[in-house]
Amino acid sequence: MLTVALSLDPLFRHISRIADIEPPLGEEEVIEKFEAYMLGDELHLIYENRLKSNRWGTGMRIYKVND
């Protein structure tokens, strides 16, 4: 499951919420080591994934954030 820690604190000393976003997609078996940034009202996630073929790749997901 792709999970994010949410915090207004830029150093994440005080995590306000942990949210499960969605499971692996398609042939993905493992999702890890992702970076995240906001661009306007969009959350961009960049991550490494391992596919069923045992190959590693880089993925990116973009989510619209609704308040």
Protein backbone atom coordinates (compact mmCIF):
# COMPACT_ATOMS: atom_id res chain seq x y z
CA MET A 1 0.00 0.00 0.00
CA LEU A 2 1.26 3.49 -0.83
CA THR A 3 1.13 5.42 2.46
CA VAL A 4 2.08 9.02 3.25
CA ALA A 5 2.77 10.85 6.50
CA LEU A 6 1.12 14.27 6.58
CA SER A 7 2.45 17.18 8.62
CA LEU A 8 2.53 20.96 8.52
CA ASP A 9 5.98 20.72 10.14
CA PRO A 10 8.62 20.71 7.34
CA LEU A 11 10.88 18.42 9.42
CA PHE A 12 8.03 15.98 10.22
CA ARG A 13 8.63 16.10 13.97
CA HIS A 14 4.89 16.22 14.56
CA ILE A 15 3.07 13.99 12.08
CA SER A 16 -0.60 14.93 12.09
CA ARG A 17 -1.96 12.03 10.05
CA ILE A 18 -0.92 8.92 8.13
CA ALA A 19 -2.98 8.18 5.03
CA ASP A 20 -3.16 5.11 2.79
CA ILE A 21 -3.52 6.34 -0.77
CA GLU A 22 -3.79 3.26 -2.97
CA PRO A 23 -2.29 -0.16 -3.61
CA PRO A 24 0.45 -0.95 -6.15
CA LEU A 25 -0.66 -0.46 -9.76
CA GLY A 26 -0.41 -2.93 -12.64
CA GLU A 27 2.70 -5.09 -12.36
CA GLU A 28 4.10 -3.28 -9.27
CA GLU A 29 4.84 -5.47 -6.26
CA VAL A 30 6.89 -3.08 -4.10
CA ILE A 31 6.73 0.73 -3.77
CA GLU A 32 9.41 2.48 -1.71
CA LYS A 33 11.71 5.46 -1.24
CA PHE A 34 9.41 8.07 -2.71
CA GLU A 35 9.77 11.82 -2.68
CA ALA A 36 6.80 14.15 -2.64
CA TYR A 37 6.16 17.80 -3.44
CA MET A 38 3.15 20.04 -3.92
CA LEU A 39 2.69 22.03 -7.12
CA GLY A 40 -0.40 24.19 -6.76
CA ASP A 41 -3.18 21.85 -5.65
CA GLU A 42 -1.44 18.72 -6.95
CA LEU A 43 0.59 16.23 -4.91
CA HIS A 44 3.42 14.71 -6.97
CA LEU A 45 4.92 11.42 -5.75
CA ILE A 46 8.13 10.01 -7.22
CA TYR A 47 9.01 6.49 -6.12
CA GLU A 48 10.94 3.33 -6.90
CA ASN A 49 9.00 0.20 -7.71
CA ARG A 50 9.77 -3.46 -8.21
CA LEU A 51 7.73 -5.19 -10.87
CA LYS A 52 6.60 -8.83 -10.95
CA SER A 53 9.44 -9.44 -13.45
CA ASN A 54 11.85 -8.47 -10.61
CA ARG A 55 12.93 -5.31 -12.53
CA TRP A 56 13.18 -2.02 -10.63
CA GLY A 57 11.94 1.23 -12.09
CA THR A 58 10.87 4.73 -11.15
CA GLY A 59 7.25 5.78 -11.05
CA MET A 60 5.41 9.05 -10.65
CA ARG A 61 1.86 9.65 -9.52
CA ILE A 62 -0.03 12.93 -9.44
CA TYR A 63 -3.02 13.51 -7.17
CA LYS A 64 -5.32 16.53 -6.97
CA VAL A 65 -5.63 17.59 -3.31
CA ASN A 66 -9.11 18.56 -2.16
CA ASP A 67 -9.53 20.40 1.12
